[in-house]
């Protein structure tokens, strides 16, 4: 399935690995990509062999492979989320300052990030939940949000209490303004552009149902 494919399918919401696999299929061969901590790191496990996608981590690694398991685990070889990973042939290591220079210099084609909220104009809020006891975690997200050529977000569409995470205006502190291009969720995929928010894929729901639950105007791009 390529990024321009429009579809409405599936009888159930997607799980985390299903979402990661879908993102992986939409990453062009040969792209330079950063995967944010948490759910985005699962994308590494679903990239097809031979795709030529080069994964970058802000802690100083290029050409990272899938997550490491059992005998492959090297405690000195981790991604930015401290998860043990593997290395692919040609992997390189460098100071994290050089890694951030790559991020800020526009050398990444795509970054995949998690989020607390995304607004209808592509604003991203993912470093502070707003909870009084929450520990802010800026990390490299602000650099990635403004430095990558495209920003993909992966998240559940609603919180556990049913509050939408795709909103008209973010209520949490922003990570970046107008930076998000696409949002992958358990119920749908949304493209965000100057024309508005387009639903390109649905999973176990319909565009009409989504429109009834969200305060964001939706364009239906699931039909040919």
Protein backbone atom coordinates (compact mmCIF):
# COMPACT_ATOMS: atom_id res chain seq x y z
CA UNK A 1 0.00 0.00 0.00
CA UNK A 2 1.57 3.31 -1.00
CA UNK A 3 0.97 6.71 0.63
CA UNK A 4 -1.58 7.75 -2.00
CA UNK A 5 -3.77 4.70 -1.54
CA UNK A 6 -7.21 5.58 -0.20
CA UNK A 7 -9.15 2.89 1.60
CA UNK A 8 -11.87 2.20 4.10
CA UNK A 9 -11.52 -1.31 5.47
CA UNK A 10 -11.24 -3.52 8.49
CA UNK A 11 -13.80 -4.58 11.05
CA UNK A 12 -11.80 -3.58 14.11
CA UNK A 13 -9.45 -0.85 15.28
CA UNK A 14 -5.74 -1.37 14.66
CA UNK A 15 -3.37 -2.51 17.37
CA UNK A 16 0.01 -0.89 17.98
CA UNK A 17 1.92 -3.26 15.72
CA UNK A 18 -0.73 -2.92 12.99
CA UNK A 19 -0.27 0.85 13.06
CA UNK A 20 3.51 0.48 13.00
CA UNK A 21 3.31 -1.88 10.02
CA UNK A 22 1.12 0.59 8.14
CA UNK A 23 3.55 3.44 8.80
CA UNK A 24 6.43 1.23 7.64
CA UNK A 25 4.65 0.52 4.35
CA UNK A 26 4.20 4.24 3.77
CA UNK A 27 7.88 5.14 4.23
CA UNK A 28 9.58 5.48 0.82
CA UNK A 29 12.54 3.24 0.04
CA UNK A 30 15.83 4.88 0.87
CA UNK A 31 14.36 7.50 3.22
CA UNK A 32 16.27 8.82 6.24
CA UNK A 33 13.93 8.45 9.22
CA UNK A 34 13.90 9.16 12.96
CA UNK A 35 11.58 7.16 15.21
CA UNK A 36 10.47 8.83 18.44
CA UNK A 37 10.41 6.97 21.75
CA UNK A 38 7.50 4.71 22.62
CA UNK A 39 5.15 3.38 19.96
CA UNK A 40 7.04 4.91 16.99
CA UNK A 41 10.02 2.62 17.68
CA UNK A 42 7.87 -0.36 16.65
CA UNK A 43 8.10 0.83 13.03
CA UNK A 44 11.69 -0.46 12.93
CA UNK A 45 10.41 -4.01 13.36
CA UNK A 46 8.18 -3.77 10.28
CA UNK A 47 10.41 -2.19 7.65
CA UNK A 48 10.84 -4.64 4.76
CA UNK A 49 14.27 -6.08 4.13
CA UNK A 50 16.01 -4.29 1.29
CA UNK A 51 14.00 -1.09 1.62
CA UNK A 52 17.15 0.95 2.12
CA UNK A 53 15.45 3.01 4.83
CA UNK A 54 18.12 4.45 7.14
CA UNK A 55 17.03 4.91 10.74
CA UNK A 56 18.57 7.74 12.77
CA UNK A 57 18.54 8.15 16.55
CA UNK A 58 19.20 11.39 18.40
CA UNK A 59 21.51 9.60 20.83
CA UNK A 60 23.98 9.16 17.97
CA UNK A 61 23.36 6.20 15.67
CA UNK A 62 22.68 5.89 11.96
CA UNK A 63 21.33 2.75 10.25
CA UNK A 64 19.70 1.27 13.32
CA UNK A 65 18.01 -2.10 12.90
CA UNK A 66 15.00 -3.74 14.60
CA UNK A 67 14.73 -4.23 18.34
CA UNK A 68 17.23 -6.67 19.81
CA UNK A 69 16.11 -9.85 21.53
CA UNK A 70 17.80 -12.44 23.73
CA UNK A 71 21.41 -13.08 22.60
CA UNK A 72 21.36 -10.05 20.28
CA UNK A 73 21.00 -7.62 23.19
CA UNK A 74 23.99 -5.33 23.71
CA UNK A 75 23.50 -3.02 26.73
CA UNK A 76 25.62 -0.37 25.00
CA UNK A 77 23.50 -0.43 21.85
CA UNK A 78 20.13 1.28 22.44
CA UNK A 79 17.80 3.71 20.77
CA UNK A 80 16.84 7.09 22.24
CA UNK A 81 14.23 5.37 24.40
CA UNK A 82 16.90 3.10 25.96
CA UNK A 83 15.45 0.05 24.19
CA UNK A 84 18.10 -2.46 23.01
CA UNK A 85 18.38 -2.44 19.21
CA UNK A 86 20.38 -4.09 16.49
CA UNK A 87 22.66 -2.49 13.93
CA UNK A 88 22.57 -2.91 10.17
CA UNK A 89 25.65 -3.14 7.91
CA UNK A 90 27.27 0.26 7.59
CA UNK A 91 25.90 1.55 10.90
CA UNK A 92 27.69 4.62 12.22
CA UNK A 93 27.99 6.23 15.66
CA UNK A 94 28.64 9.85 16.58
CA UNK A 95 28.27 12.43 19.33
CA UNK A 96 24.68 13.37 20.13
CA UNK A 97 25.50 17.00 19.26
CA UNK A 98 26.25 15.86 15.71
CA UNK A 99 23.02 13.87 15.73
CA UNK A 100 21.04 16.97 16.67
CA UNK A 101 22.82 18.92 13.93
CA UNK A 102 21.52 16.35 11.44
CA UNK A 103 18.00 16.84 12.80
CA UNK A 104 18.15 20.63 12.77
CA UNK A 105 19.84 20.77 9.39
CA UNK A 106 16.93 19.30 7.47
CA UNK A 107 18.66 16.02 6.66
CA UNK A 108 15.80 13.75 7.79
CA UNK A 109 13.04 12.88 5.33
CA UNK A 110 10.54 11.73 7.97
CA UNK A 111 10.22 11.60 11.72
CA UNK A 112 7.59 9.51 13.47
CA UNK A 113 6.46 10.83 16.84
CA UNK A 114 3.86 10.10 19.50
CA UNK A 115 1.50 12.82 20.70
CA UNK A 116 -0.88 13.89 23.42
CA UNK A 117 -2.72 16.10 20.92
CA UNK A 118 -2.60 17.17 17.28
CA UNK A 119 -4.60 20.15 16.05
CA UNK A 120 -6.50 20.57 12.80
CA UNK A 121 -3.75 22.87 11.51
CA UNK A 122 -0.99 20.39 12.33
CA UNK A 123 0.17 21.73 15.68
CA UNK A 124 1.87 19.07 17.81
CA UNK A 125 1.71 18.71 21.60
CA UNK A 126 3.74 15.79 22.92
CA UNK A 127 6.13 16.93 25.63
CA UNK A 128 3.83 17.73 28.56
CA UNK A 129 0.45 16.22 29.42
CA UNK A 130 -0.58 19.18 31.52
CA UNK A 131 -0.98 17.02 34.63
CA UNK A 132 0.32 18.74 37.81
CA UNK A 133 2.53 15.78 38.71
CA UNK A 134 3.77 15.10 35.16
CA UNK A 135 7.48 15.29 34.40
CA UNK A 136 8.03 17.26 31.17
CA UNK A 137 10.03 15.36 28.56
CA UNK A 138 11.14 17.58 25.70
CA UNK A 139 13.94 15.34 24.41
CA UNK A 140 14.59 15.88 20.70
CA UNK A 141 10.95 16.25 19.68
CA UNK A 142 11.10 20.02 19.12
CA UNK A 143 14.17 19.66 16.90
CA UNK A 144 12.57 16.81 14.97
CA UNK A 145 9.25 18.61 14.55
CA UNK A 146 10.86 21.58 12.82
CA UNK A 147 13.80 19.80 11.19
CA UNK A 148 12.27 16.79 9.43
CA UNK A 149 10.80 17.26 5.97
CA UNK A 150 7.68 15.32 7.00
CA UNK A 151 6.24 14.61 10.45
CA UNK A 152 4.09 11.52 11.02
CA UNK A 153 2.30 11.05 14.35
CA UNK A 154 1.14 7.73 15.82
CA UNK A 155 -1.37 7.73 18.68
CA UNK A 156 -4.73 6.42 19.78
CA UNK A 157 -7.47 8.71 18.50
CA UNK A 158 -9.16 8.96 21.91
CA UNK A 159 -7.98 8.87 25.52
CA UNK A 160 -9.27 6.16 27.87
CA UNK A 161 -12.15 8.44 28.90
CA UNK A 162 -13.11 9.10 25.26
CA UNK A 163 -11.57 12.56 24.89
CA UNK A 164 -10.34 13.18 21.31
CA UNK A 165 -6.63 13.70 20.73
CA UNK A 166 -7.22 15.19 17.27
CA UNK A 167 -8.57 18.60 18.19
CA UNK A 168 -9.42 21.99 16.73
CA UNK A 169 -6.81 23.65 18.97
CA UNK A 170 -4.27 22.02 21.29
CA UNK A 171 -4.84 22.56 24.99
CA UNK A 172 -1.38 21.33 25.98
CA UNK A 173 1.94 23.18 25.50
CA UNK A 174 3.05 22.95 21.88
CA UNK A 175 6.07 21.05 20.63
CA UNK A 176 5.79 22.56 17.16
CA UNK A 177 3.36 24.70 15.17
CA UNK A 178 1.85 23.51 11.88
CA UNK A 179 4.41 20.71 11.57
CA UNK A 180 2.33 17.50 11.39
CA UNK A 181 1.64 16.07 7.93
CA UNK A 182 -0.07 12.78 8.78
CA UNK A 183 -1.65 11.14 11.84
CA UNK A 184 -1.91 7.35 12.20
CA UNK A 185 -4.39 6.14 14.80
CA UNK A 186 -6.19 2.95 15.80
CA UNK A 187 -9.38 4.12 14.02
CA UNK A 188 -8.19 6.12 11.03
CA UNK A 189 -5.37 7.81 9.17
CA UNK A 190 -5.57 11.56 8.65
CA UNK A 191 -3.66 13.79 6.27
CA UNK A 192 -3.30 17.42 7.35
CA UNK A 193 -2.80 20.13 4.74
CA UNK A 194 -3.81 23.70 3.93
CA UNK A 195 -7.11 22.24 2.63
CA UNK A 196 -7.95 20.76 6.03
CA UNK A 197 -8.01 17.31 7.65
CA UNK A 198 -8.61 14.41 5.25
CA UNK A 199 -9.52 10.89 6.34
CA UNK A 200 -7.62 8.50 4.07
CA UNK A 201 -8.18 5.17 5.86
CA UNK A 202 -10.68 3.93 8.45
CA UNK A 203 -10.53 0.85 10.68
CA UNK A 204 -13.66 -0.52 12.32
CA UNK A 205 -15.50 2.77 11.92
CA UNK A 206 -16.77 5.19 9.26
CA UNK A 207 -16.00 8.77 8.35
CA UNK A 208 -19.48 9.77 9.48
CA UNK A 209 -18.93 8.16 12.89
CA UNK A 210 -15.60 9.93 13.23
CA UNK A 211 -17.16 13.27 12.28
CA UNK A 212 -19.76 12.78 15.02
CA UNK A 213 -17.09 12.18 17.67
CA UNK A 214 -14.59 14.86 16.65
CA UNK A 215 -14.94 18.63 16.68
CA UNK A 216 -12.64 18.85 13.67
CA UNK A 217 -14.19 19.22 10.18
CA UNK A 218 -13.25 16.14 8.14
CA UNK A 219 -12.79 15.64 4.41
CA UNK A 220 -13.58 12.13 3.15
CA UNK A 221 -10.68 10.88 1.03
CA UNK A 222 -11.47 7.18 1.43
CA UNK A 223 -13.46 7.05 -1.80
CA UNK A 224 -11.81 6.74 -5.24
